[in-house]
Amino acid sequence: MKVLVIGAAGQVGGALMEALRRRGHQTTGIDRLALSPDILQADASNALRMRALLEETMPDWVFYPAGFSWVDGCERDPLLSYNSNVKWPVDIATVAGEFGAGFTYYSSEYIFDGRQGPYTEEAKPNPLNVYGRHKLETEQSLPLVTRTLIVRTTVVYGPEIKRKNFVYQVLDRLSRNEPMPVPSDQVSSPTYNVDLAQACVECAERGIVGTLNLAGPDRIDRYTFALRICEVFHLDSALLVSKPSSELGQEATRPLNAGLDSSKAYQSLQTRLRGVREGLEDMKKLMERGGGNAASGFS
């Protein structure tokens, strides 16, 4: 299978590149920042460049783990959020459809209001913030333009070259002996990027389309997740400061009682999505294998 990964330097994109290579697929990865030799520098906002890349690579499947995922930043700059999370992926999916390629888009539990989680694929969306509204808008637009798999996931963590996810935030803050406020009331389903990527590759290989929840099996609050990180990485959990969301000053309202019910995926896919402790232990092993450099997780 020939594959194009847009956002290949991100935490999901990097894991996808690794999973696709291991499965023997012919893979082209692009990103706004070419942070490794196997990634081409290209911006998803450049429509002519995107069309040219699709013409050159003629992929069977396109993955779009790119986008603007800083939730508070989306609240501050809704135009950038709209372009990154709606316009550009829909435009690219439209062109991909012209070439007969399938398209995987990554959505979020943030399309829900967090009142009655965990949410199945059939649950009624009610986003509370700009990011969630734009993710939902794209979900509603994509099936009209191409053969699409919409993957809903949440709280993704694991090895990544940019060191942006929540695990790295905890590691970096606590390694500097800095106290870290962590929300005690944001309940979700942490998802290990290695497993997420493998599941997505399996879906593409099988031509699965529609909407599918792909999240980890443990549904826990963010503070408990931080405690698990401290246990696995041997950090001082006393530096964690448990606080309700109302005291954190976050600009975007978060769904609190959220999380995703991934039963449908668990029953239909061979790939197993691991729980928090098992995922963190594997992440730690990959980081150690990279010579202690957390950014070289897959090396």
C-alpha atoms as a PDB file:
ATOM      1  CA  MET A   1       0.000   0.000   0.000  1.00  0.00           C
ATOM      2  CA  LYS A   2       1.250   3.502  -0.849  1.00  0.00           C
ATOM      3  CA  VAL A   3       0.607   5.960   1.980  1.00  0.00           C
ATOM      4  CA  LEU A   4       0.922   9.699   2.569  1.00  0.00           C
ATOM      5  CA  VAL A   5       1.157  10.947   6.179  1.00  0.00           C
ATOM      6  CA  ILE A   6       0.451  14.661   6.648  1.00  0.00           C
ATOM      7  CA  GLY A   7       1.843  15.817   9.994  1.00  0.00           C
ATOM      8  CA  ALA A   8       4.481  13.103  10.132  1.00  0.00           C
ATOM      9  CA  ALA A   9       6.576  14.811  12.847  1.00  0.00           C
ATOM     10  CA  GLY A  10       3.760  14.885  15.389  1.00  0.00           C
ATOM     11  CA  GLN A  11       3.148  12.294  18.054  1.00  0.00           C
ATOM     12  CA  VAL A  12       0.514  10.407  16.042  1.00  0.00           C
ATOM     13  CA  GLY A  13       2.252  11.039  12.727  1.00  0.00           C
ATOM     14  CA  GLY A  14       5.602   9.770  13.986  1.00  0.00           C
ATOM     15  CA  ALA A  15       4.026   6.615  15.381  1.00  0.00           C
ATOM     16  CA  LEU A  16       2.186   6.105  12.079  1.00  0.00           C
ATOM     17  CA  MET A  17       5.429   6.373  10.116  1.00  0.00           C
ATOM     18  CA  GLU A  18       6.990   3.702  12.309  1.00  0.00           C
ATOM     19  CA  ALA A  19       3.961   1.392  12.142  1.00  0.00           C
ATOM     20  CA  LEU A  20       3.675   1.731   8.366  1.00  0.00           C
ATOM     21  CA  ARG A  21       7.379   0.995   7.859  1.00  0.00           C
ATOM     22  CA  ARG A  22       7.134  -2.103  10.020  1.00  0.00           C
ATOM     23  CA  ARG A  23       4.194  -3.323   7.936  1.00  0.00           C
ATOM     24  CA  GLY A  24       6.187  -2.810   4.730  1.00  0.00           C
ATOM     25  CA  HIS A  25       4.110  -0.012   3.245  1.00  0.00           C
ATOM     26  CA  GLN A  26       5.586   2.539   0.842  1.00  0.00           C
ATOM     27  CA  THR A  27       5.287   5.678   2.943  1.00  0.00           C
ATOM     28  CA  THR A  28       5.812   9.389   2.328  1.00  0.00           C
ATOM     29  CA  GLY A  29       5.726  11.667   5.360  1.00  0.00           C
ATOM     30  CA  ILE A  30       5.391  15.444   5.247  1.00  0.00           C
ATOM     31  CA  ASP A  31       5.344  18.095   7.947  1.00  0.00           C
ATOM     32  CA  ARG A  32       5.630  21.843   8.291  1.00  0.00           C
ATOM     33  CA  LEU A  33       8.908  21.152  10.123  1.00  0.00           C
ATOM     34  CA  ALA A  34      11.151  18.443   8.650  1.00  0.00           C
ATOM     35  CA  LEU A  35      12.565  17.245  11.966  1.00  0.00           C
ATOM     36  CA  SER A  36      14.007  13.990  10.630  1.00  0.00           C
ATOM     37  CA  PRO A  37      15.606  12.945   7.316  1.00  0.00           C
ATOM     38  CA  ASP A  38      12.636  10.781   6.267  1.00  0.00           C
ATOM     39  CA  ILE A  39      10.142  13.681   6.432  1.00  0.00           C
ATOM     40  CA  LEU A  40       9.607  16.161   3.597  1.00  0.00           C
ATOM     41  CA  GLN A  41       9.004  19.788   4.487  1.00  0.00           C
ATOM     42  CA  ALA A  42       5.603  20.898   3.226  1.00  0.00           C
ATOM     43  CA  ASP A  43       2.711  22.923   4.607  1.00  0.00           C
ATOM     44  CA  ALA A  44      -0.843  21.608   4.478  1.00  0.00           C
ATOM     45  CA  SER A  45      -2.042  25.156   3.812  1.00  0.00           C
ATOM     46  CA  ASN A  46      -0.388  25.134   0.375  1.00  0.00           C
ATOM     47  CA  ALA A  47      -3.123  23.695  -1.845  1.00  0.00           C
ATOM     48  CA  LEU A  48      -0.953  23.552  -4.971  1.00  0.00           C
ATOM     49  CA  ARG A  49       1.826  21.744  -3.105  1.00  0.00           C
ATOM     50  CA  MET A  50      -0.633  19.262  -1.628  1.00  0.00           C
ATOM     51  CA  ARG A  51      -2.142  18.473  -5.035  1.00  0.00           C
ATOM     52  CA  ALA A  52       1.336  18.046  -6.526  1.00  0.00           C
ATOM     53  CA  LEU A  53       2.325  15.670  -3.717  1.00  0.00           C
ATOM     54  CA  LEU A  54      -0.793  13.582  -4.233  1.00  0.00           C
ATOM     55  CA  GLU A  55      -0.108  13.448  -7.975  1.00  0.00           C
ATOM     56  CA  GLU A  56       3.516  12.438  -7.361  1.00  0.00           C
ATOM     57  CA  THR A  57       2.860   9.803  -4.706  1.00  0.00           C
ATOM     58  CA  MET A  58      -0.555   8.516  -5.866  1.00  0.00           C
ATOM     59  CA  PRO A  59      -1.298   7.084  -2.402  1.00  0.00           C
ATOM     60  CA  ASP A  60      -3.850   4.402  -1.665  1.00  0.00           C
ATOM     61  CA  TRP A  61      -4.442   6.025   1.719  1.00  0.00           C
ATOM     62  CA  VAL A  62      -3.832   9.444   3.274  1.00  0.00           C
ATOM     63  CA  PHE A  63      -3.524   9.995   7.036  1.00  0.00           C
ATOM     64  CA  TYR A  64      -4.080  13.487   8.428  1.00  0.00           C
ATOM     65  CA  PRO A  65      -2.841  13.560  12.059  1.00  0.00           C
ATOM     66  CA  ALA A  66      -1.931  17.230  11.517  1.00  0.00           C
ATOM     67  CA  GLY A  67      -3.935  20.209  12.739  1.00  0.00           C
ATOM     68  CA  PHE A  68      -3.976  22.757  15.539  1.00  0.00           C
ATOM     69  CA  SER A  69      -4.431  20.721  18.724  1.00  0.00           C
ATOM     70  CA  TRP A  70      -3.647  23.369  21.366  1.00  0.00           C
ATOM     71  CA  VAL A  71      -7.162  23.703  22.747  1.00  0.00           C
ATOM     72  CA  ASP A  72      -6.663  27.070  24.470  1.00  0.00           C
ATOM     73  CA  GLY A  73      -4.851  28.346  21.384  1.00  0.00           C
ATOM     74  CA  CYS A  74      -7.858  27.444  19.251  1.00  0.00           C
ATOM     75  CA  GLU A  75      -9.993  29.552  21.580  1.00  0.00           C
ATOM     76  CA  ARG A  76      -7.631  32.495  21.066  1.00  0.00           C
ATOM     77  CA  ASP A  77      -7.306  32.078  17.306  1.00  0.00           C
ATOM     78  CA  PRO A  78     -10.461  30.480  15.899  1.00  0.00           C
ATOM     79  CA  LEU A  79      -9.471  31.314  12.313  1.00  0.00           C
ATOM     80  CA  LEU A  80      -6.251  29.311  12.569  1.00  0.00           C
ATOM     81  CA  SER A  81      -8.199  26.526  14.250  1.00  0.00           C
ATOM     82  CA  TYR A  82     -10.756  26.522  11.433  1.00  0.00           C
ATOM     83  CA  ASN A  83      -8.125  26.451   8.707  1.00  0.00           C
ATOM     84  CA  SER A  84      -5.965  23.770  10.358  1.00  0.00           C
ATOM     85  CA  ASN A  85      -8.734  21.536  11.649  1.00  0.00           C
ATOM     86  CA  VAL A  86     -11.459  22.018   9.021  1.00  0.00           C
ATOM     87  CA  LYS A  87     -10.568  23.753   5.763  1.00  0.00           C
ATOM     88  CA  TRP A  88      -7.186  22.232   4.972  1.00  0.00           C
ATOM     89  CA  PRO A  89      -8.051  18.602   5.797  1.00  0.00           C
ATOM     90  CA  VAL A  90     -11.363  18.830   3.887  1.00  0.00           C
ATOM     91  CA  ASP A  91      -9.598  20.369   0.891  1.00  0.00           C
ATOM     92  CA  ILE A  92      -6.896  17.686   0.948  1.00  0.00           C
ATOM     93  CA  ALA A  93      -9.452  14.908   1.394  1.00  0.00           C
ATOM     94  CA  THR A  94     -11.351  16.224  -1.617  1.00  0.00           C
ATOM     95  CA  VAL A  95      -8.251  16.009  -3.796  1.00  0.00           C
ATOM     96  CA  ALA A  96      -7.332  12.604  -2.328  1.00  0.00           C
ATOM     97  CA  GLY A  97     -10.796  11.417  -3.293  1.00  0.00           C
ATOM     98  CA  GLU A  98     -10.178  12.471  -6.882  1.00  0.00           C
ATOM     99  CA  PHE A  99      -7.265  10.026  -6.942  1.00  0.00           C
ATOM    100  CA  GLY A 100      -9.293   7.280  -5.269  1.00  0.00           C
ATOM    101  CA  ALA A 101      -7.388   7.395  -1.972  1.00  0.00           C
ATOM    102  CA  GLY A 102      -8.894   6.673   1.413  1.00  0.00           C
ATOM    103  CA  PHE A 103      -8.523   9.324   4.107  1.00  0.00           C
ATOM    104  CA  THR A 104      -8.104   9.061   7.891  1.00  0.00           C
ATOM    105  CA  TYR A 105      -8.963  12.113   9.987  1.00  0.00           C
ATOM    106  CA  TYR A 106      -8.366  12.396  13.742  1.00  0.00           C
ATOM    107  CA  SER A 107     -11.214  13.758  15.820  1.00  0.00           C
ATOM    108  CA  SER A 108     -11.625  14.048  19.583  1.00  0.00           C
ATOM    109  CA  GLU A 109     -13.762  13.469  22.648  1.00  0.00           C
ATOM    110  CA  TYR A 110     -13.962  17.269  22.737  1.00  0.00           C
ATOM    111  CA  ILE A 111     -16.930  17.082  20.374  1.00  0.00           C
ATOM    112  CA  PHE A 112     -18.882  16.044  23.518  1.00  0.00           C
ATOM    113  CA  ASP A 113     -19.897  18.083  26.568  1.00  0.00           C
ATOM    114  CA  GLY A 114     -18.520  15.711  29.215  1.00  0.00           C
ATOM    115  CA  ARG A 115     -21.764  15.178  31.084  1.00  0.00           C
ATOM    116  CA  GLN A 116     -22.356  11.492  30.382  1.00  0.00           C
ATOM    117  CA  GLY A 117     -19.086   9.854  29.359  1.00  0.00           C
ATOM    118  CA  PRO A 118     -17.741   7.548  28.200  1.00  0.00           C
ATOM    119  CA  TYR A 119     -19.137   8.171  24.726  1.00  0.00           C
ATOM    120  CA  THR A 120     -19.859   5.639  21.992  1.00  0.00           C
ATOM    121  CA  GLU A 121     -19.742   6.378  18.281  1.00  0.00           C
ATOM    122  CA  GLU A 122     -23.508   6.933  18.339  1.00  0.00           C
ATOM    123  CA  ALA A 123     -23.559   9.495  21.179  1.00  0.00           C
ATOM    124  CA  LYS A 124     -24.907  12.955  20.391  1.00  0.00           C
ATOM    125  CA  PRO A 125     -22.162  15.601  20.109  1.00  0.00           C
ATOM    126  CA  ASN A 126     -22.360  18.890  21.999  1.00  0.00           C
ATOM    127  CA  PRO A 127     -18.943  20.634  21.904  1.00  0.00           C
ATOM    128  CA  LEU A 128     -18.065  23.214  24.549  1.00  0.00           C
ATOM    129  CA  ASN A 129     -15.157  24.951  22.821  1.00  0.00           C
ATOM    130  CA  VAL A 130     -13.811  26.106  19.448  1.00  0.00           C
ATOM    131  CA  TYR A 131     -11.580  23.062  19.003  1.00  0.00           C
ATOM    132  CA  GLY A 132     -14.483  20.667  19.574  1.00  0.00           C
ATOM    133  CA  ARG A 133     -16.802  22.603  17.277  1.00  0.00           C
ATOM    134  CA  HIS A 134     -14.262  22.529  14.468  1.00  0.00           C
ATOM    135  CA  LYS A 135     -13.563  18.826  14.900  1.00  0.00           C
ATOM    136  CA  LEU A 136     -17.287  18.154  14.685  1.00  0.00           C
ATOM    137  CA  GLU A 137     -17.658  20.341  11.592  1.00  0.00           C
ATOM    138  CA  THR A 138     -14.978  18.311   9.844  1.00  0.00           C
ATOM    139  CA  GLU A 139     -16.600  15.039  10.890  1.00  0.00           C
ATOM    140  CA  GLN A 140     -19.793  16.227   9.233  1.00  0.00           C
ATOM    141  CA  SER A 141     -18.042  17.443   6.062  1.00  0.00           C
ATOM    142  CA  LEU A 142     -15.609  14.645   5.242  1.00  0.00           C
ATOM    143  CA  PRO A 143     -18.014  11.817   4.382  1.00  0.00           C
ATOM    144  CA  LEU A 144     -19.369  14.049   1.617  1.00  0.00           C
ATOM    145  CA  VAL A 145     -16.062  14.270  -0.234  1.00  0.00           C
ATOM    146  CA  THR A 146     -14.166  10.970   0.020  1.00  0.00           C
ATOM    147  CA  ARG A 147     -13.831   7.453   1.428  1.00  0.00           C
ATOM    148  CA  THR A 148     -13.118   8.442   5.023  1.00  0.00           C
ATOM    149  CA  LEU A 149     -12.335   6.937   8.394  1.00  0.00           C
ATOM    150  CA  ILE A 150     -12.906   9.355  11.248  1.00  0.00           C
ATOM    151  CA  VAL A 151     -10.879   8.236  14.265  1.00  0.00           C
ATOM    152  CA  ARG A 152     -11.967   9.698  17.574  1.00  0.00           C
ATOM    153  CA  THR A 153      -9.241   9.524  20.172  1.00  0.00           C
ATOM    154  CA  THR A 154      -8.102  11.416  23.260  1.00  0.00           C
ATOM    155  CA  VAL A 155      -5.217  12.238  25.637  1.00  0.00           C
ATOM    156  CA  VAL A 156      -2.668  10.695  23.287  1.00  0.00           C
ATOM    157  CA  TYR A 157       0.770  10.084  24.806  1.00  0.00           C
ATOM    158  CA  GLY A 158       3.918   8.206  23.882  1.00  0.00           C
ATOM    159  CA  PRO A 159       7.328   8.803  22.290  1.00  0.00           C
ATOM    160  CA  GLU A 160       7.450  11.910  20.112  1.00  0.00           C
ATOM    161  CA  ILE A 161      10.230  14.048  18.755  1.00  0.00           C
ATOM    162  CA  LYS A 162       8.499  17.324  19.696  1.00  0.00           C
ATOM    163  CA  ARG A 163       8.064  16.327  23.377  1.00  0.00           C
ATOM    164  CA  LYS A 164       4.665  18.039  23.605  1.00  0.00           C
ATOM    165  CA  ASN A 165       2.299  15.492  25.128  1.00  0.00           C
ATOM    166  CA  PHE A 166       1.219  15.319  28.759  1.00  0.00           C
ATOM    167  CA  VAL A 167       3.798  12.705  29.786  1.00  0.00           C
ATOM    168  CA  TYR A 168       6.660  14.929  28.621  1.00  0.00           C
ATOM    169  CA  GLN A 169       5.103  17.891  30.399  1.00  0.00           C
ATOM    170  CA  VAL A 170       5.128  15.939  33.672  1.00  0.00           C
ATOM    171  CA  LEU A 171       8.651  14.601  33.093  1.00  0.00           C
ATOM    172  CA  ASP A 172      10.075  18.014  32.260  1.00  0.00           C
ATOM    173  CA  ARG A 173       8.400  19.930  35.083  1.00  0.00           C
ATOM    174  CA  LEU A 174       9.148  17.396  37.799  1.00  0.00           C
ATOM    175  CA  SER A 175      12.720  16.793  36.645  1.00  0.00           C
ATOM    176  CA  ARG A 176      13.273  20.501  37.348  1.00  0.00           C
ATOM    177  CA  ASN A 177      11.664  20.078  40.782  1.00  0.00           C
ATOM    178  CA  GLU A 178       8.845  22.421  39.803  1.00  0.00           C
ATOM    179  CA  PRO A 179       5.344  21.942  41.245  1.00  0.00           C
ATOM    180  CA  MET A 180       2.791  21.081  38.555  1.00  0.00           C
ATOM    181  CA  PRO A 181      -0.933  21.851  38.862  1.00  0.00           C
ATOM    182  CA  VAL A 182      -2.988  19.019  37.376  1.00  0.00           C
ATOM    183  CA  PRO A 183      -6.784  18.903  36.930  1.00  0.00           C
ATOM    184  CA  SER A 184      -8.477  16.450  39.258  1.00  0.00           C
ATOM    185  CA  ASP A 185     -11.869  16.465  37.511  1.00  0.00           C
ATOM    186  CA  GLN A 186     -11.060  15.930  33.826  1.00  0.00           C
ATOM    187  CA  VAL A 187     -11.852  12.256  33.253  1.00  0.00           C
ATOM    188  CA  SER A 188     -10.757  10.712  29.972  1.00  0.00           C
ATOM    189  CA  SER A 189      -9.245   7.666  28.238  1.00  0.00           C
ATOM    190  CA  PRO A 190      -5.454   8.051  27.807  1.00  0.00           C
ATOM    191  CA  THR A 191      -4.313   6.515  24.523  1.00  0.00           C
ATOM    192  CA  TYR A 192      -0.836   5.182  23.750  1.00  0.00           C
ATOM    193  CA  ASN A 193       0.289   6.490  20.352  1.00  0.00           C
ATOM    194  CA  VAL A 194       2.084   3.263  19.357  1.00  0.00           C
ATOM    195  CA  ASP A 195      -1.144   1.274  19.728  1.00  0.00           C
ATOM    196  CA  LEU A 196      -3.256   3.996  18.128  1.00  0.00           C
ATOM    197  CA  ALA A 197      -1.014   4.055  15.061  1.00  0.00           C
ATOM    198  CA  GLN A 198      -1.014   0.284  14.682  1.00  0.00           C
ATOM    199  CA  ALA A 199      -4.804   0.196  14.945  1.00  0.00           C
ATOM    200  CA  CYS A 200      -5.124   2.936  12.317  1.00  0.00           C
ATOM    201  CA  VAL A 201      -2.821   1.083   9.928  1.00  0.00           C
ATOM    202  CA  GLU A 202      -4.888  -2.061  10.425  1.00  0.00           C
ATOM    203  CA  CYS A 203      -8.036  -0.092   9.612  1.00  0.00           C
ATOM    204  CA  ALA A 204      -6.497   1.260   6.392  1.00  0.00           C
ATOM    205  CA  GLU A 205      -5.300  -2.192   5.345  1.00  0.00           C
ATOM    206  CA  ARG A 206      -8.825  -3.490   5.802  1.00  0.00           C
ATOM    207  CA  GLY A 207     -10.456  -0.504   4.121  1.00  0.00           C
ATOM    208  CA  ILE A 208     -12.519   0.386   7.191  1.00  0.00           C
ATOM    209  CA  VAL A 209     -14.469   3.635   6.823  1.00  0.00           C
ATOM    210  CA  GLY A 210     -17.004   5.503   8.938  1.00  0.00           C
ATOM    211  CA  THR A 211     -16.463   6.640  12.519  1.00  0.00           C
ATOM    212  CA  LEU A 212     -14.491   4.650  15.076  1.00  0.00           C
ATOM    213  CA  ASN A 213     -13.448   5.366  18.657  1.00  0.00           C
ATOM    214  CA  LEU A 214      -9.815   4.397  19.238  1.00  0.00           C
ATOM    215  CA  ALA A 215      -8.822   5.161  22.820  1.00  0.00           C
ATOM    216  CA  GLY A 216      -7.211   3.336  25.706  1.00  0.00           C
ATOM    217  CA  PRO A 217      -9.238   1.047  27.973  1.00  0.00           C
ATOM    218  CA  ASP A 218      -8.579   2.958  31.232  1.00  0.00           C
ATOM    219  CA  ARG A 219     -10.892   5.853  32.042  1.00  0.00           C
ATOM    220  CA  ILE A 220      -9.189   8.012  34.663  1.00  0.00           C
ATOM    221  CA  ASP A 221      -8.817  11.643  35.679  1.00  0.00           C
ATOM    222  CA  ARG A 222      -5.751  13.630  34.666  1.00  0.00           C
ATOM    223  CA  TYR A 223      -4.310  13.743  38.196  1.00  0.00           C
ATOM    224  CA  THR A 224      -4.443   9.948  38.509  1.00  0.00           C
ATOM    225  CA  PHE A 225      -2.770   9.705  35.104  1.00  0.00           C
ATOM    226  CA  ALA A 226       0.016  11.983  36.379  1.00  0.00           C
ATOM    227  CA  LEU A 227       0.440   9.749  39.436  1.00  0.00           C
ATOM    228  CA  ARG A 228       0.874   6.711  37.159  1.00  0.00           C
ATOM    229  CA  ILE A 229       3.525   8.614  35.194  1.00  0.00           C
ATOM    230  CA  CYS A 230       5.407   9.318  38.426  1.00  0.00           C
ATOM    231  CA  GLU A 231       5.223   5.666  39.463  1.00  0.00           C
ATOM    232  CA  VAL A 232       6.575   4.330  36.155  1.00  0.00           C
ATOM    233  CA  PHE A 233       9.267   6.994  35.688  1.00  0.00           C
ATOM    234  CA  HIS A 234      10.223   7.155  39.394  1.00  0.00           C
ATOM    235  CA  LEU A 235       9.393  10.818  39.911  1.00  0.00           C
ATOM    236  CA  ASP A 236       8.343  12.637  43.065  1.00  0.00           C
ATOM    237  CA  SER A 237       4.541  12.759  42.941  1.00  0.00           C
ATOM    238  CA  ALA A 238       4.523  15.243  45.843  1.00  0.00           C
ATOM    239  CA  LEU A 239       5.250  17.924  43.231  1.00  0.00           C
ATOM    240  CA  LEU A 240       1.855  17.281  41.611  1.00  0.00           C
ATOM    241  CA  VAL A 241      -0.801  19.721  42.775  1.00  0.00           C
ATOM    242  CA  SER A 242      -4.341  18.408  42.336  1.00  0.00           C
ATOM    243  CA  LYS A 243      -6.791  21.185  41.407  1.00  0.00           C
ATOM    244  CA  PRO A 244     -10.307  21.415  39.964  1.00  0.00           C
ATOM    245  CA  SER A 245     -10.525  22.804  36.449  1.00  0.00           C
ATOM    246  CA  SER A 246     -12.251  25.914  37.774  1.00  0.00           C
ATOM    247  CA  GLU A 247      -8.978  26.946  39.462  1.00  0.00           C
ATOM    248  CA  LEU A 248      -6.665  26.376  36.493  1.00  0.00           C
ATOM    249  CA  GLY A 249      -7.602  29.389  34.366  1.00  0.00           C
ATOM    250  CA  GLN A 250      -7.853  27.400  31.142  1.00  0.00           C
ATOM    251  CA  GLU A 251      -9.357  29.507  28.362  1.00  0.00           C
ATOM    252  CA  ALA A 252     -11.309  26.709  26.705  1.00  0.00           C
ATOM    253  CA  THR A 253     -13.989  24.885  28.674  1.00  0.00           C
ATOM    254  CA  ARG A 254     -13.143  21.180  28.931  1.00  0.00           C
ATOM    255  CA  PRO A 255     -15.584  18.266  28.989  1.00  0.00           C
ATOM    256  CA  LEU A 256     -15.130  16.827  32.479  1.00  0.00           C
ATOM    257  CA  ASN A 257     -16.922  13.472  32.651  1.00  0.00           C
ATOM    258  CA  ALA A 258     -15.697  12.348  29.248  1.00  0.00           C
ATOM    259  CA  GLY A 259     -13.719   9.455  27.775  1.00  0.00           C
ATOM    260  CA  LEU A 260     -14.455   7.256  24.782  1.00  0.00           C
ATOM    261  CA  ASP A 261     -16.047   3.813  24.696  1.00  0.00           C
ATOM    262  CA  SER A 262     -13.938   1.862  22.204  1.00  0.00           C
ATOM    263  CA  SER A 263     -15.764  -1.466  22.530  1.00  0.00           C
ATOM    264  CA  LYS A 264     -16.542  -1.546  18.822  1.00  0.00           C
ATOM    265  CA  ALA A 265     -12.839  -1.304  17.928  1.00  0.00           C
ATOM    266  CA  TYR A 266     -11.797  -3.804  20.583  1.00  0.00           C
ATOM    267  CA  GLN A 267     -14.226  -6.351  19.154  1.00  0.00           C
ATOM    268  CA  SER A 268     -13.382  -5.841  15.491  1.00  0.00           C
ATOM    269  CA  LEU A 269      -9.615  -5.167  15.403  1.00  0.00           C
ATOM    270  CA  GLN A 270      -6.691  -7.467  16.056  1.00  0.00           C
ATOM    271  CA  THR A 271      -4.603  -4.591  17.437  1.00  0.00           C
ATOM    272  CA  ARG A 272      -4.828  -4.300  21.218  1.00  0.00           C
ATOM    273  CA  LEU A 273      -4.831  -0.862  22.824  1.00  0.00           C
ATOM    274  CA  ARG A 274      -2.982  -1.089  26.115  1.00  0.00           C
ATOM    275  CA  GLY A 275      -3.938   0.460  29.434  1.00  0.00           C
ATOM    276  CA  VAL A 276      -2.092   3.335  31.069  1.00  0.00           C
ATOM    277  CA  ARG A 277       0.512   1.453  33.087  1.00  0.00           C
ATOM    278  CA  GLU A 278       1.399  -0.950  30.290  1.00  0.00           C
ATOM    279  CA  GLY A 279       1.599   1.895  27.772  1.00  0.00           C
ATOM    280  CA  LEU A 280       3.803   4.017  30.037  1.00  0.00           C
ATOM    281  CA  GLU A 281       6.136   1.089  30.709  1.00  0.00           C
ATOM    282  CA  ASP A 282       6.526   0.494  26.976  1.00  0.00           C
ATOM    283  CA  MET A 283       7.126   4.207  26.378  1.00  0.00           C
ATOM    284  CA  LYS A 284       9.841   4.183  29.044  1.00  0.00           C
ATOM    285  CA  LYS A 285      11.514   1.187  27.378  1.00  0.00           C
ATOM    286  CA  LEU A 286      11.499   2.893  23.983  1.00  0.00           C
ATOM    287  CA  MET A 287      12.992   6.028  25.485  1.00  0.00           C
ATOM    288  CA  GLU A 288      15.739   4.028  27.203  1.00  0.00           C
ATOM    289  CA  ARG A 289      16.447   2.173  23.972  1.00  0.00           C
ATOM    290  CA  GLY A 290      17.000   5.549  22.354  1.00  0.00           C
ATOM    291  CA  GLY A 291      19.958   6.105  24.636  1.00  0.00           C
ATOM    292  CA  GLY A 292      18.092   8.133  27.196  1.00  0.00           C
ATOM    293  CA  ASN A 293      16.987  10.730  24.658  1.00  0.00           C
ATOM    294  CA  ALA A 294      13.233  10.973  25.085  1.00  0.00           C
ATOM    295  CA  ALA A 295      12.864  12.598  21.688  1.00  0.00           C
ATOM    296  CA  SER A 296      14.353   9.561  19.930  1.00  0.00           C
ATOM    297  CA  GLY A 297      11.700   7.171  21.175  1.00  0.00           C
ATOM    298  CA  PHE A 298      11.475   5.010  18.061  1.00  0.00           C
ATOM    299  CA  SER A 299      15.204   4.792  17.359  1.00  0.00           C
END
